[in-house]
Amino acid sequence: MVGLTILTPTLPLIKNELAVSGEAVQQLLTVFLIALAIGQLVCGPISDRIGRRPVLLLGALLFSLAGCLAMFTQSIEWLIVLRFFQGIGASACMSMGRTIVNDVYERDDAARQMSTISTVLAIAPALSLAFGGILAEYAGWKGAMAILVIAGMTVFYSALKLLVETNLNRMSSLSFMSVLKAYASLVQNKQFVAWAMAGGMQIGIFFSLNAFLAYQYQRNGYSMAEFGLWFALTPISYIFGNTLNRFWFVSRGIELAAFVGCIVSMIGIMAMYVTQSMGITHALSLAIPCCIFGFGNGIVVANTTIGAITAAGKFAGTGSGVVGAWQMATGGIAGAIIIAMGGDQIFSVAAGALIVMSIIAVVSMIYVRAHR
């Protein structure tokens, strides 16, 4: 996600330098997210056939090449196209990272490693967002793009020199029909669907909070700067949840860990609804419930990700792609639906939608535990 956050502070610079509208510049983020979702659906099945290493190498190379070309374009249209290819490259790296962890480690150990990765994924975007602002001020948007090129080439070189192939049970052939068969197998796999549903709902809730929570802080009399500082406690709690998951919860079994995490997350969302319904306006009435949610979310995400990929069996690469795409989709769609329902104006509508999503996550984990 660094490919998204490090460029965000530079959008006004791109708008001014290329003399284009804000809507056109916003597409640089939108097409990147679309490519992340589509790319994971494609890269997963390919890796089941040809292996993880070639897909990761090609993805890192495509990400770097597209970034390099973007530095020399003065056309917003070409920049948008190149950002799409950057997203495809990033999707290969993201999906292969998850799949390789699943290939190399047994399920519980894989969940521990995924917790570590999730922690890094929480820290890196936050740092890149701050660093991107400094970089934008001193090096412009092309400086930010250059950092992405360097990052992509670092991944490519590291994979080329250090990574060995981890897919030792490849599919015998790859065709349109075989890909459809793999997807059909996953859709019919109730364990996979339940794991993916639980994780997708949890990530969707987090992105939805980003979409509407600022409005409630504003109604309670807080500035956007204050909102940012208070909401920053949520990813900190997420990191704490990931850490505790790695060193304690996983050893109790990932089914139980994910179930407990979903319950904790739901308690946080319900607490938020209650405090605002009571008319409590202090920032802590939102920040503390968000921290409870973030902590639970940190326990859930790594375990549901590994649970889903493991449940996919021989279609692990395809499963990883579906999980990643589903997470991207719920993250974007849930927030958009809540805003369309008036969640930015009526907090109870937004919080009610999140409670429903929390219940879906809990019910999904109940199913997993009952049919393991």
Protein backbone atom coordinates (compact mmCIF):
# COMPACT_ATOMS: atom_id res chain seq x y z
CA MET A 1 0.00 0.00 0.00
CA VAL A 2 3.05 2.27 0.08
CA GLY A 3 2.46 2.69 -3.65
CA LEU A 4 -0.79 4.40 -2.70
CA THR A 5 0.09 6.40 0.40
CA ILE A 6 3.43 7.87 -0.65
CA LEU A 7 1.86 9.45 -3.74
CA THR A 8 -1.22 10.85 -1.95
CA PRO A 9 0.49 14.04 -0.61
CA THR A 10 1.78 14.84 -4.12
CA LEU A 11 -1.62 14.93 -5.83
CA PRO A 12 -1.96 18.75 -5.61
CA LEU A 13 1.48 19.08 -7.21
CA ILE A 14 0.48 16.80 -10.09
CA LYS A 15 -2.73 18.76 -10.54
CA ASN A 16 -0.86 22.06 -10.81
CA GLU A 17 2.06 20.83 -12.91
CA LEU A 18 -0.08 19.02 -15.47
CA ALA A 19 -2.89 21.64 -15.32
CA VAL A 20 -5.68 19.08 -14.86
CA SER A 21 -8.77 18.77 -12.68
CA GLY A 22 -8.88 17.28 -9.21
CA GLU A 23 -11.14 14.50 -10.49
CA ALA A 24 -8.54 13.49 -13.07
CA VAL A 25 -5.78 13.40 -10.46
CA GLN A 26 -7.95 11.35 -8.10
CA GLN A 27 -8.03 8.65 -10.77
CA LEU A 28 -4.36 8.00 -10.04
CA LEU A 29 -5.50 6.48 -6.73
CA THR A 30 -8.70 4.89 -8.04
CA VAL A 31 -7.12 3.00 -10.94
CA PHE A 32 -4.31 1.81 -8.65
CA LEU A 33 -6.87 0.27 -6.26
CA ILE A 34 -8.83 -1.27 -9.15
CA ALA A 35 -5.64 -2.78 -10.54
CA LEU A 36 -4.75 -4.15 -7.09
CA ALA A 37 -8.06 -5.99 -6.96
CA ILE A 38 -8.09 -7.24 -10.58
CA GLY A 39 -4.41 -8.15 -10.56
CA GLN A 40 -4.69 -10.40 -7.53
CA LEU A 41 -7.50 -12.35 -9.20
CA VAL A 42 -5.24 -12.95 -12.20
CA CYS A 43 -1.87 -13.48 -10.50
CA GLY A 44 -3.16 -16.11 -8.07
CA PRO A 45 -4.21 -18.71 -10.67
CA ILE A 46 -1.09 -18.04 -12.77
CA SER A 47 1.13 -18.72 -9.75
CA ASP A 48 -0.66 -22.03 -9.16
CA ARG A 49 0.50 -23.06 -12.65
CA ILE A 50 3.96 -21.51 -13.17
CA GLY A 51 5.07 -20.87 -9.58
CA ARG A 52 5.26 -17.98 -7.13
CA ARG A 53 8.79 -16.76 -7.96
CA PRO A 54 8.20 -15.84 -11.64
CA VAL A 55 4.99 -14.00 -10.81
CA LEU A 56 6.67 -12.02 -8.03
CA LEU A 57 9.67 -11.15 -10.23
CA LEU A 58 7.48 -10.02 -13.13
CA GLY A 59 5.26 -8.02 -10.77
CA ALA A 60 8.18 -6.18 -9.18
CA LEU A 61 9.69 -5.49 -12.61
CA LEU A 62 6.38 -4.20 -14.00
CA PHE A 63 5.88 -1.99 -10.94
CA SER A 64 9.36 -0.49 -11.36
CA LEU A 65 9.18 -0.06 -15.13
CA ALA A 66 5.79 1.65 -14.98
CA GLY A 67 7.08 4.00 -12.26
CA CYS A 68 10.17 4.81 -14.28
CA LEU A 69 8.12 5.68 -17.38
CA ALA A 70 5.74 7.75 -15.24
CA MET A 71 8.60 10.01 -14.20
CA PHE A 72 9.05 11.11 -17.83
CA THR A 73 5.44 11.70 -18.84
CA GLN A 74 3.64 15.03 -18.88
CA SER A 75 0.26 13.57 -19.81
CA ILE A 76 -2.33 12.78 -17.13
CA GLU A 77 -3.83 10.14 -19.44
CA TRP A 78 -0.55 8.26 -19.73
CA LEU A 79 0.13 8.72 -16.04
CA ILE A 80 -3.22 7.08 -15.22
CA VAL A 81 -2.42 4.17 -17.57
CA LEU A 82 1.00 3.70 -16.00
CA ARG A 83 -0.50 3.79 -12.51
CA PHE A 84 -2.82 0.96 -13.57
CA PHE A 85 0.19 -1.15 -14.58
CA GLN A 86 1.89 -0.20 -11.33
CA GLY A 87 -1.14 -1.53 -9.49
CA ILE A 88 -0.99 -4.80 -11.44
CA GLY A 89 2.68 -5.17 -10.47
CA ALA A 90 1.93 -4.36 -6.84
CA SER A 91 -0.92 -6.90 -6.81
CA ALA A 92 1.50 -9.65 -7.84
CA CYS A 93 3.87 -8.77 -5.00
CA MET A 94 1.06 -8.58 -2.43
CA SER A 95 -0.67 -11.83 -3.37
CA MET A 96 2.59 -13.76 -3.73
CA GLY A 97 3.81 -12.55 -0.34
CA ARG A 98 0.76 -14.07 1.36
CA THR A 99 0.90 -17.25 -0.72
CA ILE A 100 4.61 -17.86 -0.12
CA VAL A 101 4.07 -17.59 3.64
CA ASN A 102 1.34 -20.22 3.32
CA ASP A 103 3.62 -22.45 1.20
CA VAL A 104 6.58 -22.30 3.56
CA TYR A 105 5.00 -22.51 7.02
CA GLU A 106 2.54 -24.79 8.73
CA ARG A 107 -0.81 -23.11 9.36
CA ASP A 108 -0.22 -21.78 12.90
CA ASP A 109 3.31 -20.63 12.11
CA ALA A 110 2.00 -19.02 8.92
CA ALA A 111 -0.51 -17.05 11.00
CA ARG A 112 2.32 -15.85 13.26
CA GLN A 113 4.37 -14.73 10.26
CA MET A 114 1.31 -13.05 8.75
CA SER A 115 0.85 -11.11 11.99
CA THR A 116 4.38 -9.77 11.60
CA ILE A 117 3.69 -8.84 7.97
CA SER A 118 0.42 -7.16 8.97
CA THR A 119 2.29 -5.09 11.54
CA VAL A 120 4.75 -3.91 8.90
CA LEU A 121 1.86 -3.21 6.51
CA ALA A 122 0.29 -1.01 9.19
CA ILE A 123 3.48 0.90 9.96
CA ALA A 124 4.83 1.37 6.44
CA PRO A 125 1.85 3.26 4.95
CA ALA A 126 1.70 5.60 7.95
CA LEU A 127 5.40 6.39 7.64
CA SER A 128 5.20 6.73 3.87
CA LEU A 129 2.26 9.13 4.19
CA ALA A 130 4.34 11.41 6.44
CA PHE A 131 7.51 10.90 4.40
CA GLY A 132 5.58 11.48 1.20
CA GLY A 133 4.64 14.96 2.43
CA ILE A 134 8.28 15.86 3.07
CA LEU A 135 9.32 14.28 -0.22
CA ALA A 136 6.62 16.20 -2.09
CA GLU A 137 7.89 19.46 -0.65
CA TYR A 138 11.54 18.94 -1.59
CA ALA A 139 11.51 16.57 -4.59
CA GLY A 140 8.03 16.88 -6.10
CA TRP A 141 5.83 14.06 -7.30
CA LYS A 142 8.58 12.63 -9.50
CA GLY A 143 10.74 12.23 -6.41
CA ALA A 144 7.97 10.15 -4.81
CA MET A 145 7.72 8.07 -7.98
CA ALA A 146 11.49 7.55 -7.92
CA ILE A 147 11.22 6.11 -4.41
CA LEU A 148 8.61 3.66 -5.68
CA VAL A 149 10.94 2.63 -8.52
CA ILE A 150 13.78 2.03 -6.04
CA ALA A 151 11.45 0.01 -3.79
CA GLY A 152 10.27 -2.10 -6.72
CA MET A 153 13.80 -2.82 -7.91
CA THR A 154 14.84 -3.72 -4.37
CA VAL A 155 12.05 -6.30 -4.23
CA PHE A 156 13.03 -7.60 -7.68
CA TYR A 157 16.73 -7.95 -6.83
CA SER A 158 16.03 -9.54 -3.44
CA ALA A 159 13.63 -12.07 -4.97
CA LEU A 160 16.04 -12.81 -7.81
CA LYS A 161 18.95 -13.52 -5.46
CA LEU A 162 17.27 -14.96 -2.37
CA LEU A 163 13.87 -16.42 -3.22
CA VAL A 164 13.48 -20.06 -4.17
CA GLU A 165 10.32 -21.47 -5.67
CA THR A 166 7.82 -22.50 -2.98
CA ASN A 167 5.03 -23.95 -5.11
CA LEU A 168 5.96 -27.62 -5.23
CA ASN A 169 2.53 -28.84 -6.32
CA ARG A 170 1.76 -26.89 -9.48
CA MET A 171 -1.32 -27.28 -11.63
CA SER A 172 -0.68 -29.37 -14.75
CA SER A 173 -2.23 -26.80 -17.09
CA LEU A 174 -3.69 -23.31 -17.14
CA SER A 175 -6.61 -22.30 -19.31
CA PHE A 176 -9.66 -20.13 -19.05
CA MET A 177 -11.73 -23.16 -18.07
CA SER A 178 -9.22 -24.29 -15.45
CA VAL A 179 -9.26 -20.83 -13.89
CA LEU A 180 -13.06 -20.88 -13.83
CA LYS A 181 -12.90 -24.33 -12.25
CA ALA A 182 -10.55 -23.02 -9.55
CA TYR A 183 -12.85 -20.09 -8.78
CA ALA A 184 -15.91 -22.36 -8.77
CA SER A 185 -14.15 -24.69 -6.36
CA LEU A 186 -13.47 -21.80 -3.97
CA VAL A 187 -17.02 -20.46 -4.17
CA GLN A 188 -18.33 -23.93 -3.30
CA ASN A 189 -15.79 -24.29 -0.47
CA LYS A 190 -17.84 -23.11 2.51
CA GLN A 191 -14.84 -23.02 4.84
CA PHE A 192 -12.95 -20.75 2.44
CA VAL A 193 -15.97 -18.48 1.99
CA ALA A 194 -16.52 -18.20 5.75
CA TRP A 195 -12.87 -17.37 6.47
CA ALA A 196 -12.76 -14.83 3.61
CA MET A 197 -16.08 -13.28 4.65
CA ALA A 198 -14.93 -12.75 8.24
CA GLY A 199 -11.66 -11.12 7.17
CA GLY A 200 -13.31 -9.04 4.45
CA MET A 201 -15.93 -7.64 6.82
CA GLN A 202 -13.27 -6.66 9.35
CA ILE A 203 -11.17 -4.82 6.78
CA GLY A 204 -14.31 -3.28 5.30
CA ILE A 205 -15.20 -1.86 8.73
CA PHE A 206 -11.79 -0.21 9.05
CA PHE A 207 -11.98 1.45 5.65
CA SER A 208 -15.56 2.51 6.37
CA LEU A 209 -14.44 4.24 9.55
CA ASN A 210 -12.02 6.23 7.39
CA ALA A 211 -14.93 7.24 5.18
CA PHE A 212 -17.35 8.66 7.76
CA LEU A 213 -15.79 9.00 11.22
CA ALA A 214 -14.24 12.40 10.50
CA TYR A 215 -17.74 13.86 10.11
CA GLN A 216 -18.73 12.71 13.60
CA TYR A 217 -15.59 14.22 15.12
CA GLN A 218 -16.46 17.43 13.32
CA ARG A 219 -20.01 17.37 14.70
CA ASN A 220 -18.54 16.88 18.16
CA GLY A 221 -16.48 20.04 17.75
CA TYR A 222 -13.07 18.69 16.73
CA SER A 223 -10.88 19.83 13.86
CA MET A 224 -9.63 17.50 11.13
CA ALA A 225 -6.12 17.71 12.60
CA GLU A 226 -7.48 16.57 15.97
CA PHE A 227 -9.43 13.79 14.26
CA GLY A 228 -6.22 12.58 12.62
CA LEU A 229 -4.38 12.45 15.94
CA TRP A 230 -7.17 10.62 17.77
CA PHE A 231 -7.81 8.19 14.92
CA ALA A 232 -4.09 7.40 14.75
CA LEU A 233 -4.60 5.43 17.98
CA THR A 234 -6.59 2.85 15.99
CA PRO A 235 -3.67 1.48 13.91
CA ILE A 236 -1.51 1.56 17.05
CA SER A 237 -4.06 -0.71 18.74
CA TYR A 238 -4.09 -2.83 15.57
CA ILE A 239 -0.32 -3.30 15.84
CA PHE A 240 -0.69 -4.28 19.51
CA GLY A 241 -3.38 -6.82 18.57
CA ASN A 242 -1.12 -8.28 15.87
CA THR A 243 1.77 -8.57 18.30
CA LEU A 244 -0.31 -10.33 20.94
CA ASN A 245 -1.76 -12.58 18.25
CA ARG A 246 1.70 -13.69 17.20
CA PHE A 247 2.95 -14.46 20.70
CA TRP A 248 -0.20 -15.74 22.42
CA PHE A 249 -3.47 -16.07 20.50
CA VAL A 250 -2.20 -18.26 17.63
CA SER A 251 -1.06 -20.94 20.07
CA ARG A 252 -4.72 -21.29 21.13
CA GLY A 253 -5.71 -22.09 17.55
CA ILE A 254 -6.42 -19.65 14.74
CA GLU A 255 -10.15 -20.49 14.72
CA LEU A 256 -10.53 -19.46 18.35
CA ALA A 257 -8.21 -16.45 17.89
CA ALA A 258 -10.16 -15.11 14.91
CA PHE A 259 -13.48 -15.70 16.68
CA VAL A 260 -12.33 -13.82 19.80
CA GLY A 261 -10.97 -11.03 17.61
CA CYS A 262 -14.32 -10.67 15.82
CA ILE A 263 -16.14 -10.50 19.17
CA VAL A 264 -13.74 -7.83 20.49
CA SER A 265 -14.14 -5.82 17.29
CA MET A 266 -17.93 -6.01 17.53
CA ILE A 267 -17.79 -4.81 21.15
CA GLY A 268 -15.79 -1.78 19.99
CA ILE A 269 -18.30 -0.91 17.26
CA MET A 270 -21.26 -1.36 19.61
CA ALA A 271 -19.55 0.79 22.25
CA MET A 272 -19.14 3.52 19.65
CA TYR A 273 -22.83 3.36 18.79
CA VAL A 274 -23.83 3.51 22.46
CA THR A 275 -21.61 6.46 23.40
CA GLN A 276 -22.85 8.56 20.50
CA SER A 277 -26.48 7.59 21.12
CA MET A 278 -26.02 8.83 24.70
CA GLY A 279 -24.82 12.19 23.37
CA ILE A 280 -21.27 11.91 24.73
CA THR A 281 -19.11 14.24 22.64
CA HIS A 282 -15.61 13.91 24.08
CA ALA A 283 -13.09 12.53 21.59
CA LEU A 284 -12.44 9.55 23.88
CA SER A 285 -16.04 8.41 23.30
CA LEU A 286 -14.96 7.61 19.75
CA ALA A 287 -11.24 6.96 20.23
CA ILE A 288 -11.57 4.26 22.90
CA PRO A 289 -14.14 2.19 20.95
CA CYS A 290 -11.93 2.56 17.86
CA CYS A 291 -8.97 1.26 19.86
CA ILE A 292 -11.01 -1.74 21.01
CA PHE A 293 -11.97 -2.39 17.39
CA GLY A 294 -8.38 -1.93 16.19
CA PHE A 295 -7.07 -4.38 18.79
CA GLY A 296 -9.63 -7.01 17.77
CA ASN A 297 -8.96 -6.33 14.10
CA GLY A 298 -5.27 -7.00 14.69
CA ILE A 299 -6.13 -10.45 16.01
CA VAL A 300 -8.52 -11.24 13.15
CA VAL A 301 -6.83 -10.24 9.88
CA ALA A 302 -3.74 -12.47 9.88
CA ASN A 303 -5.66 -15.52 11.10
CA THR A 304 -8.55 -15.19 8.61
CA THR A 305 -6.12 -14.60 5.74
CA ILE A 306 -4.14 -17.77 6.47
CA GLY A 307 -7.32 -19.68 7.31
CA ALA A 308 -8.80 -18.86 3.91
CA ILE A 309 -5.63 -19.62 1.93
CA THR A 310 -5.17 -22.93 3.77
CA ALA A 311 -8.80 -23.86 3.14
CA ALA A 312 -8.21 -23.28 -0.58
CA GLY A 313 -5.94 -26.35 -0.65
CA LYS A 314 -4.23 -26.87 -4.02
CA PHE A 315 -5.69 -23.57 -5.23
CA ALA A 316 -3.74 -21.61 -2.60
CA GLY A 317 -2.52 -19.01 -5.10
CA THR A 318 -6.01 -18.48 -6.47
CA GLY A 319 -7.35 -18.32 -2.92
CA SER A 320 -4.80 -15.68 -1.96
CA GLY A 321 -5.82 -13.61 -4.98
CA VAL A 322 -9.51 -13.89 -4.15
CA VAL A 323 -8.90 -12.95 -0.51
CA GLY A 324 -6.85 -9.90 -1.50
CA ALA A 325 -9.37 -8.76 -4.10
CA TRP A 326 -12.27 -9.29 -1.68
CA GLN A 327 -10.50 -7.22 0.96
CA MET A 328 -9.91 -4.39 -1.51
CA ALA A 329 -13.52 -4.59 -2.68
CA THR A 330 -15.10 -4.55 0.78
CA GLY A 331 -12.77 -1.73 1.80
CA GLY A 332 -13.97 0.47 -1.03
CA ILE A 333 -17.56 -0.65 -1.52
CA ALA A 334 -18.66 -0.69 2.13
CA GLY A 335 -17.53 2.88 2.73
CA ALA A 336 -19.18 4.09 -0.47
CA ILE A 337 -22.48 2.37 0.40
CA ILE A 338 -22.50 3.81 3.92
CA ILE A 339 -21.92 7.34 2.59
CA ALA A 340 -24.63 6.81 -0.05
CA MET A 341 -27.02 5.78 2.75
CA GLY A 342 -26.33 9.07 4.51
CA GLY A 343 -23.80 7.76 7.01
CA ASP A 344 -21.79 10.97 6.78
CA GLN A 345 -24.83 12.90 8.03
CA ILE A 346 -26.49 10.39 10.38
CA PHE A 347 -24.03 8.54 12.62
CA SER A 348 -26.54 5.88 13.68
CA VAL A 349 -26.89 4.79 10.05
CA ALA A 350 -23.14 4.35 9.66
CA ALA A 351 -22.64 2.65 13.01
CA GLY A 352 -25.64 0.39 12.39
CA ALA A 353 -24.12 -0.76 9.10
CA LEU A 354 -20.84 -1.56 10.88
CA ILE A 355 -22.69 -3.57 13.52
CA VAL A 356 -24.28 -5.65 10.76
CA MET A 357 -20.85 -6.23 9.22
CA SER A 358 -19.50 -7.23 12.65
CA ILE A 359 -22.31 -9.73 13.11
CA ILE A 360 -21.58 -11.24 9.69
CA ALA A 361 -17.93 -11.67 10.70
CA VAL A 362 -18.86 -13.33 14.00
CA VAL A 363 -21.39 -15.66 12.35
CA SER A 364 -18.80 -16.61 9.73
CA MET A 365 -16.34 -17.61 12.44
CA ILE A 366 -19.03 -19.56 14.30
CA TYR A 367 -19.54 -21.54 11.09
CA VAL A 368 -15.77 -22.14 10.73
CA ARG A 369 -15.47 -23.42 14.29
CA ALA A 370 -18.55 -25.64 13.96
CA HIS A 371 -17.33 -27.29 10.74
CA ARG A 372 -13.58 -27.49 11.17
